[in-house]
């Protein structure tokens, strides 16, 4: 919004038929017949909008704001007087409609209320609601977003466990119980403590790993353990795709609506942001902290935008050159980390009979990856500070670089491990060895979290509290909760779970326990060992990036699974042992089906059906893109209407003050 030299505001906005509608009462038609309407900034900006058209437009608006049972009155964007008038019109309409329409509208209202109650009950079942509210009030919405993301992954892994137990574990246990000749497990006779860390010994022949699930029939050709195992794993992958795509799309819509030329109203947060239903002093303090954090974020963003507008051309050239150098430094660091991981994998194959040396060499690749993934994200965070971006962009840029580091290091680790196993074909079950590597990465990450919390963060706090007068100790101080790096750990381990679930089916159950412990460990770290961040940031775009990174991890898991299926052509263990490859098992099942079903499946797997499916997807995507563009234009119009309403109000206030001053002058 700019003002011309004569003091009249200068606005430019889009105009369309939808722009006529506004939230005015029925008496507003008289307002448009007055002379002052022609002096309003909105009328001067668009003189082609005739006065005689406006009452009709208002009447159309009043016709549209009628009784819609699917929309409650409290959700309508009208004032209280208009809601009362609408309620009176509703009573009149009820008396004029027939019994069928009245019953249908009452059923719609009942379904809407039932949906609201069910949604409230489901949201009430979500764990840690009060804990998250407390964390949000003390440490801001950014730290809360991390714990919400952790809770989401916990629920997702619980769904994985339900699918795997129902389709993989239970049929295998039932078939083993029916077969009296089943080889009994060793029990805990040969159990060793190191088996928990290596996944060897008793665990290797337990339901944790792939080799436990042998080929067994359940009295039907299409009902056997290989088919159920395959269906369970495909269900896990499809569930991941559906959940992650949905969360990413919904989050992207929200971030686009609030991020595209969006500026919050500080006066609204100051005068209308308080919840007058609060009666607890602790809840009131949390609400105070939340409003304060919101105002800090708004002021920091406005300060940064003003600093960007004051940059000169020379400053821009220097900044671009500096960013190029810093990005080159990032590439050098990434290449060095990949070379270090390759060296660690090569040293792993040199294990001797010494138990201590073998233990260190077995965990040398996870230790190297954890060390690299811990140090380099901090370096990337410092580098992003010199690039002079806003805090939200700094966070997202650090996330992108760090997740590329973590996923690339995991991919390189998998590639080099596959190459090493091809050279040294001494394993009885190569699928089990692949699952054990993913198991060790998960266990080592849990150990690293405990070590970081109770051996680094907590002693640091005790040291600061024990020596308050020491300048060196106070310079060390309590650390801030680093959202970027903690989110990266969640994404990294979830990617490990998706990569290894086919060869370690109970890995989601292990990860569920790990996430449950991790929540309380991180809660202790945040509340006891951390201080609130000095700079706040918005999490709308960052939350979208969290789920997009999970999509990348899921894509990496699918690629790894396809590569391993082609690599393990003749499996030596598991449900696809011998010549029973994945494709042969499904073809045997399809051949037992009726001829029409075989024909249908054959057509669905042909190129003609794939071509038709691609055409249908193109049509659907085109329709969604068209709807998105139309909605984008409507949103722009609504934003411009808000600007013009503000300008009209300012103009009317100036006119009112001028008239009042003239009336107060002595004649």
Foldseek 3Di string as FASTA:
>chain_A
DDADPVRADDADADDDLVLLDDQDDLVCLVVLVDPCVCVANVCVNPVVDDSVCNNVSHVVNVVVPADDLLDDLVPDPYDPVVSVVRVVRVVVVLVVDDPVVNVVSVVSNVVNVVVVVVVVVVVVPQPPPVVLLLCCLFFNVLVSLLLVVLSVLLVLLVVLVVLCVVQAVVQQVVQQVVDPPDDDQPPCPVDDPCCLQQVDDRSLCDLQFFQVFAWDAPPDLCGINLNSLVVSLVVSLVVLVVVLVVLLVVLVVVCCLCPPPHADDLVCCVPPVDDPVDDDPSSVSSSVSHSVQVVQARVLVVVLVVVVVPDDPVNVVVLVVLVVVLVVVLVVLLVVLLVVLLVLLVQLVVDDPDPVRNVCSVCSNLVSLVVSLVPVLVVLLVSLVSSSDRPVVSLLSSLVSSLCSLVVSVVSNVVSVVVVCVVVVPDLFVLSVLLSVLSNNVVVLLVVLVCCQPVPQVVLLVQCVVCVPDPVSVVVPFAADDSSSSLSSVLSNLLSCLQNCSGRVCSSVVVSVSSVVSSVSVSCCHVPRHHHDPHDHDCSVVSSVSSVSSVVSSVVSVVSVVVVLVVPCAGSRHHCHGNNRSVNSVVSNLVPDDPVSNVVVVVCPDPVVVVVVVVVVVVVVVVVVVVVVVVVSVSSSVVSSVVSVVSSVVVVVVVVVVVVVVVPDDD
